[in-house]
Amino acid sequence: GFLLGTGSSGMAEAPGTSSTQYSLLVKFNTAMQAGTLVHLQNEEGSVLFTYKPSKRYQSVVFSSPDLNKGDSYTLYTGGSSTGSFQDGLFRDGVYAPGSKVTDFTIRNILTTIY
């Protein structure tokens, strides 16, 4: 299934390592303002999500069948999207990048980024 959540870093929990689906836990050094987009795409540029949290956040938890072991991804914050907006997610639009946070490769069932 598709799981995406944002919140404070102290309360962040990701799916367990006994899961069969790959997951990502990101903890930022500072809190992001409400409305600051968080965006994840793979190395081919395919979008996994573009999300606009309605509250301040310092962590992101994501799990999806689209995360694959050995694949590389890029995480961004900020920027803008032209997609249709529903339930915090942008769909089928073009993402104009904000700040690149990191590039990473999925190596374990849970990947944690600090």
PDB file of N, CA and C in Angstrom:
ATOM      1  N   GLY A   1       0.812  -1.179   0.000  1.00  0.00           N
ATOM      2  CA  GLY A   1       0.000   0.000   0.000  1.00  0.00           C
ATOM      3  C   GLY A   1       0.861   1.250   0.000  1.00  0.00           C
ATOM      4  N   PHE A   2       0.222   2.381  -0.001  1.00  0.00           N
ATOM      5  CA  PHE A   2       0.852   3.695  -0.027  1.00  0.00           C
ATOM      6  C   PHE A   2       0.693   4.331   1.341  1.00  0.00           C
ATOM      7  N   LEU A   3       1.815   4.682   1.987  1.00  0.00           N
ATOM      8  CA  LEU A   3       1.807   5.332   3.294  1.00  0.00           C
ATOM      9  C   LEU A   3       2.666   6.576   3.204  1.00  0.00           C
ATOM     10  N   LEU A   4       2.130   7.710   3.613  1.00  0.00           N
ATOM     11  CA  LEU A   4       2.875   8.964   3.633  1.00  0.00           C
ATOM     12  C   LEU A   4       2.407   9.767   4.822  1.00  0.00           C
ATOM     13  N   GLY A   5       3.349  10.172   5.663  1.00  0.00           N
ATOM     14  CA  GLY A   5       3.007  10.975   6.821  1.00  0.00           C
ATOM     15  C   GLY A   5       4.127  11.938   7.161  1.00  0.00           C
ATOM     16  N   THR A   6       3.762  13.066   7.744  1.00  0.00           N
ATOM     17  CA  THR A   6       4.737  14.037   8.213  1.00  0.00           C
ATOM     18  C   THR A   6       4.397  14.393   9.650  1.00  0.00           C
ATOM     19  N   GLY A   7       5.396  14.879  10.381  1.00  0.00           N
ATOM     20  CA  GLY A   7       5.156  15.281  11.767  1.00  0.00           C
ATOM     21  C   GLY A   7       6.444  15.682  12.438  1.00  0.00           C
ATOM     22  N   SER A   8       6.404  15.697  13.773  1.00  0.00           N
ATOM     23  CA  SER A   8       7.609  16.039  14.530  1.00  0.00           C
ATOM     24  C   SER A   8       8.598  14.879  14.455  1.00  0.00           C
ATOM     25  N   SER A   9       9.875  15.167  14.661  1.00  0.00           N
ATOM     26  CA  SER A   9      10.870  14.096  14.555  1.00  0.00           C
ATOM     27  C   SER A   9      10.882  13.195  15.782  1.00  0.00           C
ATOM     28  N   GLY A  10      10.540  13.730  16.927  1.00  0.00           N
ATOM     29  CA  GLY A  10      10.562  12.939  18.144  1.00  0.00           C
ATOM     30  C   GLY A  10       9.515  11.841  18.178  1.00  0.00           C
ATOM     31  N   MET A  11       8.428  12.030  17.463  1.00  0.00           N
ATOM     32  CA  MET A  11       7.339  11.060  17.457  1.00  0.00           C
ATOM     33  C   MET A  11       7.347  10.173  16.213  1.00  0.00           C
ATOM     34  N   ALA A  12       8.302  10.369  15.327  1.00  0.00           N
ATOM     35  CA  ALA A  12       8.302   9.653  14.039  1.00  0.00           C
ATOM     36  C   ALA A  12       8.548   8.162  14.223  1.00  0.00           C
ATOM     37  N   GLU A  13       7.711   7.370  13.585  1.00  0.00           N
ATOM     38  CA  GLU A  13       7.889   5.926  13.542  1.00  0.00           C
ATOM     39  C   GLU A  13       7.657   5.452  12.127  1.00  0.00           C
ATOM     40  N   ALA A  14       8.461   4.524  11.691  1.00  0.00           N
ATOM     41  CA  ALA A  14       8.331   3.949  10.357  1.00  0.00           C
ATOM     42  C   ALA A  14       7.825   2.520  10.481  1.00  0.00           C
ATOM     43  N   PRO A  15       7.358   1.938   9.387  1.00  0.00           N
ATOM     44  CA  PRO A  15       6.985   0.522   9.421  1.00  0.00           C
ATOM     45  C   PRO A  15       8.159  -0.336   9.903  1.00  0.00           C
ATOM     46  N   GLY A  16       7.853  -1.433  10.516  1.00  0.00           N
ATOM     47  CA  GLY A  16       8.887  -2.311  11.069  1.00  0.00           C
ATOM     48  C   GLY A  16       9.735  -2.972  10.001  1.00  0.00           C
ATOM     49  N   THR A  17      10.883  -3.457  10.427  1.00  0.00           N
ATOM     50  CA  THR A  17      11.814  -4.101   9.502  1.00  0.00           C
ATOM     51  C   THR A  17      11.351  -5.492   9.087  1.00  0.00           C
ATOM     52  N   SER A  18      10.264  -5.976   9.679  1.00  0.00           N
ATOM     53  CA  SER A  18       9.719  -7.260   9.241  1.00  0.00           C
ATOM     54  C   SER A  18       8.748  -7.082   8.067  1.00  0.00           C
ATOM     55  N   SER A  19       8.510  -5.843   7.681  1.00  0.00           N
ATOM     56  CA  SER A  19       7.638  -5.565   6.537  1.00  0.00           C
ATOM     57  C   SER A  19       8.261  -6.122   5.262  1.00  0.00           C
ATOM     58  N   THR A  20       7.437  -6.415   4.284  1.00  0.00           N
ATOM     59  CA  THR A  20       7.937  -6.885   2.988  1.00  0.00           C
ATOM     60  C   THR A  20       7.991  -5.750   1.966  1.00  0.00           C
ATOM     61  N   GLN A  21       7.566  -4.548   2.381  1.00  0.00           N
ATOM     62  CA  GLN A  21       7.552  -3.383   1.501  1.00  0.00           C
ATOM     63  C   GLN A  21       8.601  -2.386   1.999  1.00  0.00           C
ATOM     64  N   TYR A  22       9.342  -1.793   1.088  1.00  0.00           N
ATOM     65  CA  TYR A  22      10.401  -0.860   1.454  1.00  0.00           C
ATOM     66  C   TYR A  22       9.821   0.456   1.965  1.00  0.00           C
ATOM     67  N   SER A  23      10.521   1.031   2.948  1.00  0.00           N
ATOM     68  CA  SER A  23      10.070   2.251   3.603  1.00  0.00           C
ATOM     69  C   SER A  23      11.216   3.232   3.746  1.00  0.00           C
ATOM     70  N   LEU A  24      10.830   4.499   3.925  1.00  0.00           N
ATOM     71  CA  LEU A  24      11.776   5.597   4.074  1.00  0.00           C
ATOM     72  C   LEU A  24      11.367   6.435   5.277  1.00  0.00           C
ATOM     73  N   LEU A  25      12.336   6.775   6.127  1.00  0.00           N
ATOM     74  CA  LEU A  25      12.125   7.688   7.246  1.00  0.00           C
ATOM     75  C   LEU A  25      13.148   8.802   7.116  1.00  0.00           C
ATOM     76  N   VAL A  26      12.667  10.028   7.011  1.00  0.00           N
ATOM     77  CA  VAL A  26      13.530  11.200   6.884  1.00  0.00           C
ATOM     78  C   VAL A  26      13.337  12.064   8.118  1.00  0.00           C
ATOM     79  N   LYS A  27      14.446  12.472   8.749  1.00  0.00           N
ATOM     80  CA  LYS A  27      14.403  13.400   9.874  1.00  0.00           C
ATOM     81  C   LYS A  27      15.252  14.614   9.505  1.00  0.00           C
ATOM     82  N   PHE A  28      14.604  15.769   9.423  1.00  0.00           N
ATOM     83  CA  PHE A  28      15.296  17.007   9.086  1.00  0.00           C
ATOM     84  C   PHE A  28      15.912  17.638  10.330  1.00  0.00           C
ATOM     85  N   ASN A  29      16.992  18.404  10.142  1.00  0.00           N
ATOM     86  CA  ASN A  29      17.648  19.089  11.254  1.00  0.00           C
ATOM     87  C   ASN A  29      16.773  20.176  11.863  1.00  0.00           C
ATOM     88  N   THR A  30      15.989  20.842  11.033  1.00  0.00           N
ATOM     89  CA  THR A  30      15.095  21.897  11.495  1.00  0.00           C
ATOM     90  C   THR A  30      13.697  21.638  10.967  1.00  0.00           C
ATOM     91  N   ALA A  31      12.718  22.214  11.629  1.00  0.00           N
ATOM     92  CA  ALA A  31      11.329  22.033  11.212  1.00  0.00           C
ATOM     93  C   ALA A  31      11.048  22.814   9.934  1.00  0.00           C
ATOM     94  N   MET A  32      10.242  22.231   9.066  1.00  0.00           N
ATOM     95  CA  MET A  32       9.793  22.871   7.830  1.00  0.00           C
ATOM     96  C   MET A  32       8.458  23.557   8.102  1.00  0.00           C
ATOM     97  N   GLN A  33       8.275  24.700   7.489  1.00  0.00           N
ATOM     98  CA  GLN A  33       7.029  25.439   7.663  1.00  0.00           C
ATOM     99  C   GLN A  33       5.868  24.697   7.003  1.00  0.00           C
ATOM    100  N   ALA A  34       4.685  24.863   7.554  1.00  0.00           N
ATOM    101  CA  ALA A  34       3.477  24.323   6.930  1.00  0.00           C
ATOM    102  C   ALA A  34       3.403  24.826   5.497  1.00  0.00           C
ATOM    103  N   GLY A  35       3.023  23.962   4.591  1.00  0.00           N
ATOM    104  CA  GLY A  35       2.910  24.336   3.187  1.00  0.00           C
ATOM    105  C   GLY A  35       4.173  24.155   2.375  1.00  0.00           C
ATOM    106  N   THR A  36       5.292  23.828   3.031  1.00  0.00           N
ATOM    107  CA  THR A  36       6.546  23.579   2.309  1.00  0.00           C
ATOM    108  C   THR A  36       6.475  22.205   1.670  1.00  0.00           C
ATOM    109  N   LEU A  37       6.527  22.159   0.351  1.00  0.00           N
ATOM    110  CA  LEU A  37       6.418  20.886  -0.352  1.00  0.00           C
ATOM    111  C   LEU A  37       7.568  19.952  -0.002  1.00  0.00           C
ATOM    112  N   VAL A  38       7.294  18.670  -0.016  1.00  0.00           N
ATOM    113  CA  VAL A  38       8.316  17.632   0.055  1.00  0.00           C
ATOM    114  C   VAL A  38       8.051  16.727  -1.148  1.00  0.00           C
ATOM    115  N   HIS A  39       9.115  16.407  -1.879  1.00  0.00           N
ATOM    116  CA  HIS A  39       8.982  15.745  -3.174  1.00  0.00           C
ATOM    117  C   HIS A  39      10.018  14.641  -3.294  1.00  0.00           C
ATOM    118  N   LEU A  40       9.592  13.483  -3.779  1.00  0.00           N
ATOM    119  CA  LEU A  40      10.494  12.357  -3.987  1.00  0.00           C
ATOM    120  C   LEU A  40      10.343  11.854  -5.412  1.00  0.00           C
ATOM    121  N   GLN A  41      11.492  11.672  -6.088  1.00  0.00           N
ATOM    122  CA  GLN A  41      11.472  11.115  -7.436  1.00  0.00           C
ATOM    123  C   GLN A  41      12.597  10.107  -7.585  1.00  0.00           C
ATOM    124  N   ASN A  42      12.424   9.192  -8.546  1.00  0.00           N
ATOM    125  CA  ASN A  42      13.480   8.209  -8.780  1.00  0.00           C
ATOM    126  C   ASN A  42      14.499   8.772  -9.765  1.00  0.00           C
ATOM    127  N   GLU A  43      15.539   7.986 -10.045  1.00  0.00           N
ATOM    128  CA  GLU A  43      16.636   8.478 -10.876  1.00  0.00           C
ATOM    129  C   GLU A  43      16.217   8.748 -12.317  1.00  0.00           C
ATOM    130  N   GLU A  44      15.099   8.180 -12.749  1.00  0.00           N
ATOM    131  CA  GLU A  44      14.579   8.456 -14.092  1.00  0.00           C
ATOM    132  C   GLU A  44      13.700   9.698 -14.113  1.00  0.00           C
ATOM    133  N   GLY A  45      13.431  10.270 -12.936  1.00  0.00           N
ATOM    134  CA  GLY A  45      12.599  11.458 -12.845  1.00  0.00           C
ATOM    135  C   GLY A  45      11.132  11.174 -12.599  1.00  0.00           C
ATOM    136  N   SER A  46      10.765   9.899 -12.435  1.00  0.00           N
ATOM    137  CA  SER A  46       9.369   9.565 -12.123  1.00  0.00           C
ATOM    138  C   SER A  46       9.052   9.957 -10.689  1.00  0.00           C
ATOM    139  N   VAL A  47       7.924  10.618 -10.506  1.00  0.00           N
ATOM    140  CA  VAL A  47       7.527  11.139  -9.200  1.00  0.00           C
ATOM    141  C   VAL A  47       6.880  10.049  -8.357  1.00  0.00           C
ATOM    142  N   LEU A  48       7.375   9.890  -7.129  1.00  0.00           N
ATOM    143  CA  LEU A  48       6.731   8.995  -6.174  1.00  0.00           C
ATOM    144  C   LEU A  48       5.698   9.765  -5.360  1.00  0.00           C
ATOM    145  N   PHE A  49       6.020  11.012  -5.003  1.00  0.00           N
ATOM    146  CA  PHE A  49       5.035  11.894  -4.376  1.00  0.00           C
ATOM    147  C   PHE A  49       5.521  13.331  -4.381  1.00  0.00           C
ATOM    148  N   THR A  50       4.549  14.238  -4.402  1.00  0.00           N
ATOM    149  CA  THR A  50       4.755  15.658  -4.118  1.00  0.00           C
ATOM    150  C   THR A  50       3.673  16.001  -3.114  1.00  0.00           C
ATOM    151  N   TYR A  51       4.084  16.350  -1.896  1.00  0.00           N
ATOM    152  CA  TYR A  51       3.158  16.500  -0.776  1.00  0.00           C
ATOM    153  C   TYR A  51       3.302  17.881  -0.153  1.00  0.00           C
ATOM    154  N   LYS A  52       2.168  18.458   0.228  1.00  0.00           N
ATOM    155  CA  LYS A  52       2.136  19.778   0.866  1.00  0.00           C
ATOM    156  C   LYS A  52       1.508  19.632   2.251  1.00  0.00           C
ATOM    157  N   PRO A  53       2.335  19.432   3.286  1.00  0.00           N
ATOM    158  CA  PRO A  53       1.795  19.276   4.632  1.00  0.00           C
ATOM    159  C   PRO A  53       1.089  20.550   5.104  1.00  0.00           C
ATOM    160  N   SER A  54       0.009  20.373   5.825  1.00  0.00           N
ATOM    161  CA  SER A  54      -0.751  21.518   6.328  1.00  0.00           C
ATOM    162  C   SER A  54      -0.222  22.033   7.660  1.00  0.00           C
ATOM    163  N   LYS A  55       0.708  21.314   8.266  1.00  0.00           N
ATOM    164  CA  LYS A  55       1.306  21.730   9.548  1.00  0.00           C
ATOM    165  C   LYS A  55       2.828  21.653   9.444  1.00  0.00           C
ATOM    166  N   ARG A  56       3.500  22.338  10.382  1.00  0.00           N
ATOM    167  CA  ARG A  56       4.964  22.239  10.437  1.00  0.00           C
ATOM    168  C   ARG A  56       5.363  20.774  10.576  1.00  0.00           C
ATOM    169  N   TYR A  57       6.525  20.424  10.014  1.00  0.00           N
ATOM    170  CA  TYR A  57       6.977  19.040  10.091  1.00  0.00           C
ATOM    171  C   TYR A  57       8.502  18.991  10.146  1.00  0.00           C
ATOM    172  N   GLN A  58       8.998  17.937  10.766  1.00  0.00           N
ATOM    173  CA  GLN A  58      10.438  17.704  10.839  1.00  0.00           C
ATOM    174  C   GLN A  58      10.792  16.274  10.448  1.00  0.00           C
ATOM    175  N   SER A  59       9.776  15.497  10.103  1.00  0.00           N
ATOM    176  CA  SER A  59      10.028  14.127   9.655  1.00  0.00           C
ATOM    177  C   SER A  59       9.013  13.745   8.577  1.00  0.00           C
ATOM    178  N   VAL A  60       9.437  12.798   7.746  1.00  0.00           N
ATOM    179  CA  VAL A  60       8.585  12.245   6.697  1.00  0.00           C
ATOM    180  C   VAL A  60       8.721  10.726   6.748  1.00  0.00           C
ATOM    181  N   VAL A  61       7.597  10.034   6.727  1.00  0.00           N
ATOM    182  CA  VAL A  61       7.582   8.575   6.647  1.00  0.00           C
ATOM    183  C   VAL A  61       6.872   8.215   5.344  1.00  0.00           C
ATOM    184  N   PHE A  62       7.511   7.337   4.565  1.00  0.00           N
ATOM    185  CA  PHE A  62       6.936   6.954   3.275  1.00  0.00           C
ATOM    186  C   PHE A  62       7.181   5.472   3.032  1.00  0.00           C
ATOM    187  N   SER A  63       6.152   4.790   2.551  1.00  0.00           N
ATOM    188  CA  SER A  63       6.277   3.397   2.153  1.00  0.00           C
ATOM    189  C   SER A  63       5.394   3.183   0.934  1.00  0.00           C
ATOM    190  N   SER A  64       5.936   2.446  -0.023  1.00  0.00           N
ATOM    191  CA  SER A  64       5.196   2.239  -1.266  1.00  0.00           C
ATOM    192  C   SER A  64       5.781   1.044  -2.015  1.00  0.00           C
ATOM    193  N   PRO A  65       4.955   0.353  -2.798  1.00  0.00           N
ATOM    194  CA  PRO A  65       5.485  -0.703  -3.660  1.00  0.00           C
ATOM    195  C   PRO A  65       6.426  -0.144  -4.729  1.00  0.00           C
ATOM    196  N   ASP A  66       6.412   1.180  -4.930  1.00  0.00           N
ATOM    197  CA  ASP A  66       7.283   1.813  -5.932  1.00  0.00           C
ATOM    198  C   ASP A  66       8.714   2.017  -5.446  1.00  0.00           C
ATOM    199  N   LEU A  67       8.971   1.818  -4.154  1.00  0.00           N
ATOM    200  CA  LEU A  67      10.349   1.857  -3.646  1.00  0.00           C
ATOM    201  C   LEU A  67      10.975   0.490  -3.893  1.00  0.00           C
ATOM    202  N   ASN A  68      12.130   0.483  -4.527  1.00  0.00           N
ATOM    203  CA  ASN A  68      12.766  -0.783  -4.891  1.00  0.00           C
ATOM    204  C   ASN A  68      14.215  -0.836  -4.439  1.00  0.00           C
ATOM    205  N   LYS A  69      14.616  -1.968  -3.907  1.00  0.00           N
ATOM    206  CA  LYS A  69      15.990  -2.166  -3.472  1.00  0.00           C
ATOM    207  C   LYS A  69      16.944  -1.960  -4.648  1.00  0.00           C
ATOM    208  N   GLY A  70      17.992  -1.187  -4.400  1.00  0.00           N
ATOM    209  CA  GLY A  70      19.001  -0.922  -5.415  1.00  0.00           C
ATOM    210  C   GLY A  70      18.706   0.292  -6.275  1.00  0.00           C
ATOM    211  N   ASP A  71      17.483   0.814  -6.220  1.00  0.00           N
ATOM    212  CA  ASP A  71      17.143   2.005  -6.996  1.00  0.00           C
ATOM    213  C   ASP A  71      17.560   3.264  -6.245  1.00  0.00           C
ATOM    214  N   SER A  72      17.857   4.308  -7.006  1.00  0.00           N
ATOM    215  CA  SER A  72      18.276   5.593  -6.439  1.00  0.00           C
ATOM    216  C   SER A  72      17.150   6.609  -6.541  1.00  0.00           C
ATOM    217  N   TYR A  73      17.103   7.513  -5.555  1.00  0.00           N
ATOM    218  CA  TYR A  73      16.044   8.502  -5.435  1.00  0.00           C
ATOM    219  C   TYR A  73      16.639   9.843  -5.036  1.00  0.00           C
ATOM    220  N   THR A  74      15.879  10.913  -5.303  1.00  0.00           N
ATOM    221  CA  THR A  74      16.263  12.251  -4.893  1.00  0.00           C
ATOM    222  C   THR A  74      15.106  12.861  -4.119  1.00  0.00           C
ATOM    223  N   LEU A  75      15.431  13.468  -2.972  1.00  0.00           N
ATOM    224  CA  LEU A  75      14.442  14.106  -2.108  1.00  0.00           C
ATOM    225  C   LEU A  75      14.643  15.613  -2.155  1.00  0.00           C
ATOM    226  N   TYR A  76      13.541  16.350  -2.323  1.00  0.00           N
ATOM    227  CA  TYR A  76      13.553  17.812  -2.359  1.00  0.00           C
ATOM    228  C   TYR A  76      12.570  18.364  -1.338  1.00  0.00           C
ATOM    229  N   THR A  77      12.806  19.596  -0.915  1.00  0.00           N
ATOM    230  CA  THR A  77      11.808  20.362  -0.180  1.00  0.00           C
ATOM    231  C   THR A  77      11.631  21.695  -0.888  1.00  0.00           C
ATOM    232  N   GLY A  78      10.468  22.300  -0.680  1.00  0.00           N
ATOM    233  CA  GLY A  78      10.173  23.578  -1.323  1.00  0.00           C
ATOM    234  C   GLY A  78       9.768  23.379  -2.767  1.00  0.00           C
ATOM    235  N   GLY A  79       9.883  24.435  -3.533  1.00  0.00           N
ATOM    236  CA  GLY A  79       9.497  24.382  -4.928  1.00  0.00           C
ATOM    237  C   GLY A  79       7.999  24.538  -5.097  1.00  0.00           C
ATOM    238  N   SER A  80       7.515  24.158  -6.272  1.00  0.00           N
ATOM    239  CA  SER A  80       6.093  24.286  -6.570  1.00  0.00           C
ATOM    240  C   SER A  80       5.674  23.185  -7.534  1.00  0.00           C
ATOM    241  N   SER A  81       4.361  22.993  -7.646  1.00  0.00           N
ATOM    242  CA  SER A  81       3.825  21.981  -8.550  1.00  0.00           C
ATOM    243  C   SER A  81       2.611  22.534  -9.283  1.00  0.00           C
ATOM    244  N   THR A  82       2.453  22.120 -10.535  1.00  0.00           N
ATOM    245  CA  THR A  82       1.292  22.526 -11.326  1.00  0.00           C
ATOM    246  C   THR A  82       0.196  21.473 -11.312  1.00  0.00           C
ATOM    247  N   GLY A  83       0.392  20.398 -10.568  1.00  0.00           N
ATOM    248  CA  GLY A  83      -0.559  19.294 -10.571  1.00  0.00           C
ATOM    249  C   GLY A  83      -1.858  19.612  -9.869  1.00  0.00           C
ATOM    250  N   SER A  84      -2.839  18.752 -10.070  1.00  0.00           N
ATOM    251  CA  SER A  84      -4.100  18.882  -9.332  1.00  0.00           C
ATOM    252  C   SER A  84      -3.825  18.510  -7.881  1.00  0.00           C
ATOM    253  N   PHE A  85      -4.475  19.218  -6.962  1.00  0.00           N
ATOM    254  CA  PHE A  85      -4.185  19.090  -5.539  1.00  0.00           C
ATOM    255  C   PHE A  85      -5.380  18.486  -4.822  1.00  0.00           C
ATOM    256  N   GLN A  86      -5.116  17.382  -4.095  1.00  0.00           N
ATOM    257  CA  GLN A  86      -6.175  16.733  -3.320  1.00  0.00           C
ATOM    258  C   GLN A  86      -5.550  16.012  -2.134  1.00  0.00           C
ATOM    259  N   ASP A  87      -6.112  16.240  -0.956  1.00  0.00           N
ATOM    260  CA  ASP A  87      -5.673  15.562   0.271  1.00  0.00           C
ATOM    261  C   ASP A  87      -4.184  15.734   0.522  1.00  0.00           C
ATOM    262  N   GLY A  88      -3.648  16.904   0.195  1.00  0.00           N
ATOM    263  CA  GLY A  88      -2.241  17.193   0.449  1.00  0.00           C
ATOM    264  C   GLY A  88      -1.296  16.759  -0.653  1.00  0.00           C
ATOM    265  N   LEU A  89      -1.778  15.957  -1.604  1.00  0.00           N
ATOM    266  CA  LEU A  89      -0.925  15.441  -2.679  1.00  0.00           C
ATOM    267  C   LEU A  89      -1.189  16.153  -4.000  1.00  0.00           C
ATOM    268  N   PHE A  90      -0.111  16.404  -4.728  1.00  0.00           N
ATOM    269  CA  PHE A  90      -0.217  16.903  -6.092  1.00  0.00           C
ATOM    270  C   PHE A  90      -0.138  15.712  -7.033  1.00  0.00           C
ATOM    271  N   ARG A  91      -0.992  15.714  -8.064  1.00  0.00           N
ATOM    272  CA  ARG A  91      -1.014  14.622  -9.031  1.00  0.00           C
ATOM    273  C   ARG A  91      -0.869  15.171 -10.445  1.00  0.00           C
ATOM    274  N   ASP A  92      -0.124  14.453 -11.261  1.00  0.00           N
ATOM    275  CA  ASP A  92      -0.054  14.707 -12.701  1.00  0.00           C
ATOM    276  C   ASP A  92       0.353  16.124 -13.069  1.00  0.00           C
ATOM    277  N   GLY A  93       1.272  16.684 -12.363  1.00  0.00           N
ATOM    278  CA  GLY A  93       1.746  18.018 -12.717  1.00  0.00           C
ATOM    279  C   GLY A  93       3.245  18.017 -12.922  1.00  0.00           C
ATOM    280  N   VAL A  94       3.765  19.194 -13.086  1.00  0.00           N
ATOM    281  CA  VAL A  94       5.210  19.368 -13.215  1.00  0.00           C
ATOM    282  C   VAL A  94       5.720  19.981 -11.924  1.00  0.00           C
ATOM    283  N   TYR A  95       6.748  19.363 -11.349  1.00  0.00           N
ATOM    284  CA  TYR A  95       7.353  19.864 -10.124  1.00  0.00           C
ATOM    285  C   TYR A  95       8.538  20.751 -10.486  1.00  0.00           C
ATOM    286  N   ALA A  96       8.519  21.986  -9.994  1.00  0.00           N
ATOM    287  CA  ALA A  96       9.654  22.902 -10.137  1.00  0.00           C
ATOM    288  C   ALA A  96      10.470  22.780  -8.860  1.00  0.00           C
ATOM    289  N   PRO A  97      11.686  22.221  -8.944  1.00  0.00           N
ATOM    290  CA  PRO A  97      12.455  21.898  -7.736  1.00  0.00           C
ATOM    291  C   PRO A  97      12.745  23.087  -6.836  1.00  0.00           C
ATOM    292  N   GLY A  98      12.700  22.777  -5.545  1.00  0.00           N
ATOM    293  CA  GLY A  98      13.145  23.705  -4.521  1.00  0.00           C
ATOM    294  C   GLY A  98      14.572  23.336  -4.169  1.00  0.00           C
ATOM    295  N   SER A  99      14.812  23.009  -2.900  1.00  0.00           N
ATOM    296  CA  SER A  99      16.149  22.639  -2.432  1.00  0.00           C
ATOM    297  C   SER A  99      16.317  21.123  -2.435  1.00  0.00           C
ATOM    298  N   LYS A 100      17.385  20.671  -3.039  1.00  0.00           N
ATOM    299  CA  LYS A 100      17.691  19.239  -3.008  1.00  0.00           C
ATOM    300  C   LYS A 100      18.201  18.892  -1.614  1.00  0.00           C
ATOM    301  N   VAL A 101      17.562  17.900  -0.993  1.00  0.00           N
ATOM    302  CA  VAL A 101      17.958  17.458   0.344  1.00  0.00           C
ATOM    303  C   VAL A 101      19.066  16.420   0.232  1.00  0.00           C
ATOM    304  N   THR A 102      18.828  15.386  -0.583  1.00  0.00           N
ATOM    305  CA  THR A 102      19.812  14.314  -0.708  1.00  0.00           C
ATOM    306  C   THR A 102      19.457  13.372  -1.852  1.00  0.00           C
ATOM    307  N   ASP A 103      20.465  12.661  -2.326  1.00  0.00           N
ATOM    308  CA  ASP A 103      20.299  11.496  -3.190  1.00  0.00           C
ATOM    309  C   ASP A 103      20.567  10.275  -2.321  1.00  0.00           C
ATOM    310  N   PHE A 104      19.838   9.209  -2.528  1.00  0.00           N
ATOM    311  CA  PHE A 104      20.065   7.996  -1.741  1.00  0.00           C
ATOM    312  C   PHE A 104      19.647   6.777  -2.539  1.00  0.00           C
ATOM    313  N   THR A 105      20.131   5.617  -2.110  1.00  0.00           N
ATOM    314  CA  THR A 105      19.788   4.335  -2.718  1.00  0.00           C
ATOM    315  C   THR A 105      19.152   3.453  -1.661  1.00  0.00           C
ATOM    316  N   ILE A 106      18.088   2.758  -2.024  1.00  0.00           N
ATOM    317  CA  ILE A 106      17.428   1.830  -1.098  1.00  0.00           C
ATOM    318  C   ILE A 106      18.301   0.577  -0.976  1.00  0.00           C
ATOM    319  N   ARG A 107      18.758   0.291   0.236  1.00  0.00           N
ATOM    320  CA  ARG A 107      19.609  -0.873   0.482  1.00  0.00           C
ATOM    321  C   ARG A 107      18.975  -1.863   1.473  1.00  0.00           C
ATOM    322  N   ASN A 108      18.105  -1.355   2.343  1.00  0.00           N
ATOM    323  CA  ASN A 108      17.460  -2.177   3.364  1.00  0.00           C
ATOM    324  C   ASN A 108      15.954  -1.953   3.324  1.00  0.00           C
ATOM    325  N   ILE A 109      15.216  -2.786   4.016  1.00  0.00           N
ATOM    326  CA  ILE A 109      13.767  -2.674   4.035  1.00  0.00           C
ATOM    327  C   ILE A 109      13.331  -1.317   4.598  1.00  0.00           C
ATOM    328  N   LEU A 110      14.136  -0.738   5.509  1.00  0.00           N
ATOM    329  CA  LEU A 110      13.914   0.610   6.025  1.00  0.00           C
ATOM    330  C   LEU A 110      15.164   1.445   5.791  1.00  0.00           C
ATOM    331  N   THR A 111      15.019   2.535   5.065  1.00  0.00           N
ATOM    332  CA  THR A 111      16.105   3.481   4.844  1.00  0.00           C
ATOM    333  C   THR A 111      15.825   4.713   5.694  1.00  0.00           C
ATOM    334  N   THR A 112      16.792   5.101   6.523  1.00  0.00           N
ATOM    335  CA  THR A 112      16.646   6.280   7.374  1.00  0.00           C
ATOM    336  C   THR A 112      17.637   7.331   6.942  1.00  0.00           C
ATOM    337  N   ILE A 113      17.145   8.562   6.800  1.00  0.00           N
ATOM    338  CA  ILE A 113      17.981   9.696   6.392  1.00  0.00           C
ATOM    339  C   ILE A 113      17.892  10.753   7.467  1.00  0.00           C
ATOM    340  N   TYR A 114      19.051  11.211   7.950  1.00  0.00           N
ATOM    341  CA  TYR A 114      19.120  12.276   8.958  1.00  0.00           C
ATOM    342  C   TYR A 114      19.704  13.519   8.347  1.00  0.00           C
TER     343      TYR A 114
END
